[in-house]
Amino acid sequence: MTKEEIKRHRVESVLKEIIPEALSTLDDTLINSLAVTDVVCSKGRSDARVYLEPSFLNEKEQAEALRKLRSIAVYIQNQCKEIGGWFRAPKMIFEFDHQLEKVSRIEELFKQIEGEKKKDGGSDESK
């Protein structure tokens, strides 16, 4: 791992801690309770994709939250600079992380396949 990659991972780790803290200072209940699942910085650390947990929001609320987050992104960047003691913070790009839903769906499909194999295997054994 290069020095640049180490720095990038360090910034990502710090942002995972700072962003929820910055969000919690807001008065909007839709935004201040959002959980950050991951942060991925660009190579030069000028941009950061912030992945949020969507589990308790419907699609309409997710769209509204993203709209609000885009409008306050500069505030969150400034909070990150202040809390982290940085000269500049990466530009924030917010997205909802649907990876957990995909993983649970895949696990569900595997369980379904396993159940079908057991059912088919049981009928083969009785022959």
C-alpha atoms as a PDB file:
ATOM      1  CA  MET A   1       0.000   0.000   0.000  1.00  0.00           C
ATOM      2  CA  THR A   2       1.421   3.380  -1.001  1.00  0.00           C
ATOM      3  CA  LYS A   3       1.614   6.450   1.228  1.00  0.00           C
ATOM      4  CA  GLU A   4      -1.118   8.084  -0.846  1.00  0.00           C
ATOM      5  CA  GLU A   5      -3.475   5.127  -0.319  1.00  0.00           C
ATOM      6  CA  ILE A   6      -2.766   5.183   3.407  1.00  0.00           C
ATOM      7  CA  LYS A   7      -3.588   8.899   3.568  1.00  0.00           C
ATOM      8  CA  ARG A   8      -6.790   8.341   1.577  1.00  0.00           C
ATOM      9  CA  HIS A   9      -7.907   5.512   3.889  1.00  0.00           C
ATOM     10  CA  ARG A  10      -7.127   7.647   6.927  1.00  0.00           C
ATOM     11  CA  VAL A  11      -9.251  10.508   5.568  1.00  0.00           C
ATOM     12  CA  GLU A  12     -12.093   8.093   4.779  1.00  0.00           C
ATOM     13  CA  SER A  13     -11.957   6.701   8.302  1.00  0.00           C
ATOM     14  CA  VAL A  14     -12.010  10.150   9.890  1.00  0.00           C
ATOM     15  CA  LEU A  15     -14.883  11.257   7.661  1.00  0.00           C
ATOM     16  CA  LYS A  16     -16.933   8.195   8.719  1.00  0.00           C
ATOM     17  CA  GLU A  17     -16.725   9.525  12.257  1.00  0.00           C
ATOM     18  CA  ILE A  18     -17.038  13.256  11.569  1.00  0.00           C
ATOM     19  CA  ILE A  19     -19.944  13.294   9.080  1.00  0.00           C
ATOM     20  CA  PRO A  20     -22.505  11.696  11.453  1.00  0.00           C
ATOM     21  CA  GLU A  21     -21.373  14.173  14.105  1.00  0.00           C
ATOM     22  CA  ALA A  22     -21.921  17.057  11.666  1.00  0.00           C
ATOM     23  CA  LEU A  23     -25.311  15.675  10.605  1.00  0.00           C
ATOM     24  CA  SER A  24     -26.442  15.368  14.218  1.00  0.00           C
ATOM     25  CA  THR A  25     -26.014  19.133  14.717  1.00  0.00           C
ATOM     26  CA  LEU A  26     -28.813  19.840  12.224  1.00  0.00           C
ATOM     27  CA  ASP A  27     -32.405  20.527  13.261  1.00  0.00           C
ATOM     28  CA  ASP A  28     -33.909  18.394  10.475  1.00  0.00           C
ATOM     29  CA  THR A  29     -34.943  14.964  11.846  1.00  0.00           C
ATOM     30  CA  LEU A  30     -34.889  13.439   8.364  1.00  0.00           C
ATOM     31  CA  ILE A  31     -31.186  14.196   8.011  1.00  0.00           C
ATOM     32  CA  ASN A  32     -29.727  14.216  11.515  1.00  0.00           C
ATOM     33  CA  SER A  33     -30.555  10.562  12.150  1.00  0.00           C
ATOM     34  CA  LEU A  34     -28.975   9.193   8.950  1.00  0.00           C
ATOM     35  CA  ALA A  35     -26.256   6.593   9.455  1.00  0.00           C
ATOM     36  CA  VAL A  36     -23.102   6.686   7.344  1.00  0.00           C
ATOM     37  CA  THR A  37     -22.237   3.187   6.082  1.00  0.00           C
ATOM     38  CA  ASP A  38     -19.133   4.072   4.090  1.00  0.00           C
ATOM     39  CA  VAL A  39     -17.042   6.918   2.705  1.00  0.00           C
ATOM     40  CA  VAL A  40     -14.934   6.530  -0.429  1.00  0.00           C
ATOM     41  CA  CYS A  41     -12.537   9.311  -1.393  1.00  0.00           C
ATOM     42  CA  SER A  42     -11.187   9.963  -4.875  1.00  0.00           C
ATOM     43  CA  LYS A  43      -7.474   9.472  -5.532  1.00  0.00           C
ATOM     44  CA  GLY A  44      -6.594  13.083  -4.805  1.00  0.00           C
ATOM     45  CA  ARG A  45      -9.018  13.235  -1.851  1.00  0.00           C
ATOM     46  CA  SER A  46     -10.827  16.171  -3.450  1.00  0.00           C
ATOM     47  CA  ASP A  47     -14.161  14.312  -3.627  1.00  0.00           C
ATOM     48  CA  ALA A  48     -15.792  11.909  -1.197  1.00  0.00           C
ATOM     49  CA  ARG A  49     -18.762   9.647  -1.848  1.00  0.00           C
ATOM     50  CA  VAL A  50     -20.736   9.303   1.353  1.00  0.00           C
ATOM     51  CA  TYR A  51     -22.956   6.222   1.518  1.00  0.00           C
ATOM     52  CA  LEU A  52     -25.960   6.395   3.834  1.00  0.00           C
ATOM     53  CA  GLU A  53     -28.207   3.713   5.335  1.00  0.00           C
ATOM     54  CA  PRO A  54     -31.651   3.852   3.633  1.00  0.00           C
ATOM     55  CA  SER A  55     -33.464   1.179   5.662  1.00  0.00           C
ATOM     56  CA  PHE A  56     -36.047   3.325   7.433  1.00  0.00           C
ATOM     57  CA  LEU A  57     -36.812   5.711   4.536  1.00  0.00           C
ATOM     58  CA  ASN A  58     -39.081   5.169   1.549  1.00  0.00           C
ATOM     59  CA  GLU A  59     -38.041   6.323  -1.926  1.00  0.00           C
ATOM     60  CA  LYS A  60     -39.762   9.694  -1.620  1.00  0.00           C
ATOM     61  CA  GLU A  61     -38.056  10.402   1.714  1.00  0.00           C
ATOM     62  CA  GLN A  62     -34.700   9.289   0.286  1.00  0.00           C
ATOM     63  CA  ALA A  63     -35.060  11.721  -2.617  1.00  0.00           C
ATOM     64  CA  GLU A  64     -36.007  14.516  -0.203  1.00  0.00           C
ATOM     65  CA  ALA A  65     -33.050  13.710   2.079  1.00  0.00           C
ATOM     66  CA  LEU A  66     -30.614  13.740  -0.859  1.00  0.00           C
ATOM     67  CA  ARG A  67     -31.995  17.083  -2.018  1.00  0.00           C
ATOM     68  CA  LYS A  68     -31.504  18.548   1.459  1.00  0.00           C
ATOM     69  CA  LEU A  69     -28.023  17.035   1.790  1.00  0.00           C
ATOM     70  CA  ARG A  70     -26.952  18.584  -1.521  1.00  0.00           C
ATOM     71  CA  SER A  71     -28.102  21.984  -0.299  1.00  0.00           C
ATOM     72  CA  ILE A  72     -26.146  21.721   2.974  1.00  0.00           C
ATOM     73  CA  ALA A  73     -23.057  19.907   1.621  1.00  0.00           C
ATOM     74  CA  VAL A  74     -20.876  23.011   2.036  1.00  0.00           C
ATOM     75  CA  TYR A  75     -21.976  23.321   5.680  1.00  0.00           C
ATOM     76  CA  ILE A  76     -20.996  19.685   6.293  1.00  0.00           C
ATOM     77  CA  GLN A  77     -17.647  20.251   4.551  1.00  0.00           C
ATOM     78  CA  ASN A  78     -17.001  23.243   6.811  1.00  0.00           C
ATOM     79  CA  GLN A  79     -17.964  21.189   9.881  1.00  0.00           C
ATOM     80  CA  CYS A  80     -15.539  18.460   8.783  1.00  0.00           C
ATOM     81  CA  LYS A  81     -12.761  21.033   8.336  1.00  0.00           C
ATOM     82  CA  GLU A  82     -13.452  22.487  11.749  1.00  0.00           C
ATOM     83  CA  ILE A  83     -13.797  19.189  13.632  1.00  0.00           C
ATOM     84  CA  GLY A  84     -10.928  17.502  11.805  1.00  0.00           C
ATOM     85  CA  GLY A  85      -8.641  20.546  11.997  1.00  0.00           C
ATOM     86  CA  TRP A  86      -8.094  20.443   8.243  1.00  0.00           C
ATOM     87  CA  PHE A  87      -7.282  23.208   5.788  1.00  0.00           C
ATOM     88  CA  ARG A  88      -9.806  21.837   3.285  1.00  0.00           C
ATOM     89  CA  ALA A  89     -12.314  18.997   3.191  1.00  0.00           C
ATOM     90  CA  PRO A  90     -13.373  16.902   0.208  1.00  0.00           C
ATOM     91  CA  LYS A  91     -16.464  17.808  -1.778  1.00  0.00           C
ATOM     92  CA  MET A  92     -19.276  15.559  -0.502  1.00  0.00           C
ATOM     93  CA  ILE A  93     -21.421  13.467  -2.822  1.00  0.00           C
ATOM     94  CA  PHE A  94     -24.230  11.739  -0.934  1.00  0.00           C
ATOM     95  CA  GLU A  95     -25.831   8.449  -1.992  1.00  0.00           C
ATOM     96  CA  PHE A  96     -27.942   5.813  -0.319  1.00  0.00           C
ATOM     97  CA  ASP A  97     -26.223   2.457   0.072  1.00  0.00           C
ATOM     98  CA  HIS A  98     -28.468  -0.280  -1.286  1.00  0.00           C
ATOM     99  CA  GLN A  99     -25.740  -2.906  -0.941  1.00  0.00           C
ATOM    100  CA  LEU A 100     -27.256  -4.342   2.252  1.00  0.00           C
ATOM    101  CA  GLU A 101     -30.576  -4.889   0.496  1.00  0.00           C
ATOM    102  CA  LYS A 102     -28.802  -6.682  -2.359  1.00  0.00           C
ATOM    103  CA  VAL A 103     -26.816  -8.870   0.038  1.00  0.00           C
ATOM    104  CA  SER A 104     -29.917  -9.844   2.004  1.00  0.00           C
ATOM    105  CA  ARG A 105     -31.751 -10.645  -1.234  1.00  0.00           C
ATOM    106  CA  ILE A 106     -28.861 -12.867  -2.395  1.00  0.00           C
ATOM    107  CA  GLU A 107     -28.797 -14.637   0.989  1.00  0.00           C
ATOM    108  CA  GLU A 108     -32.555 -15.160   0.709  1.00  0.00           C
ATOM    109  CA  LEU A 109     -32.104 -16.706  -2.740  1.00  0.00           C
ATOM    110  CA  PHE A 110     -29.358 -19.025  -1.447  1.00  0.00           C
ATOM    111  CA  LYS A 111     -31.632 -20.188   1.378  1.00  0.00           C
ATOM    112  CA  GLN A 112     -34.411 -20.782  -1.140  1.00  0.00           C
ATOM    113  CA  ILE A 113     -32.060 -22.831  -3.364  1.00  0.00           C
ATOM    114  CA  GLU A 114     -30.829 -24.792  -0.351  1.00  0.00           C
ATOM    115  CA  GLY A 115     -34.418 -25.539   0.660  1.00  0.00           C
ATOM    116  CA  GLU A 116     -35.240 -26.747  -2.843  1.00  0.00           C
ATOM    117  CA  LYS A 117     -32.129 -28.966  -2.902  1.00  0.00           C
ATOM    118  CA  LYS A 118     -33.114 -30.526   0.434  1.00  0.00           C
ATOM    119  CA  LYS A 119     -36.626 -31.105  -0.848  1.00  0.00           C
ATOM    120  CA  ASP A 120     -35.358 -32.671  -4.082  1.00  0.00           C
ATOM    121  CA  GLY A 121     -32.624 -34.591  -2.256  1.00  0.00           C
ATOM    122  CA  GLY A 122     -35.150 -36.025   0.186  1.00  0.00           C
ATOM    123  CA  SER A 123     -37.322 -37.400  -2.622  1.00  0.00           C
ATOM    124  CA  ASP A 124     -34.237 -38.984  -4.291  1.00  0.00           C
ATOM    125  CA  GLU A 125     -33.249 -40.749  -1.090  1.00  0.00           C
ATOM    126  CA  SER A 126     -36.687 -42.338  -0.672  1.00  0.00           C
ATOM    127  CA  LYS A 127     -36.469 -44.054  -4.078  1.00  0.00           C
END
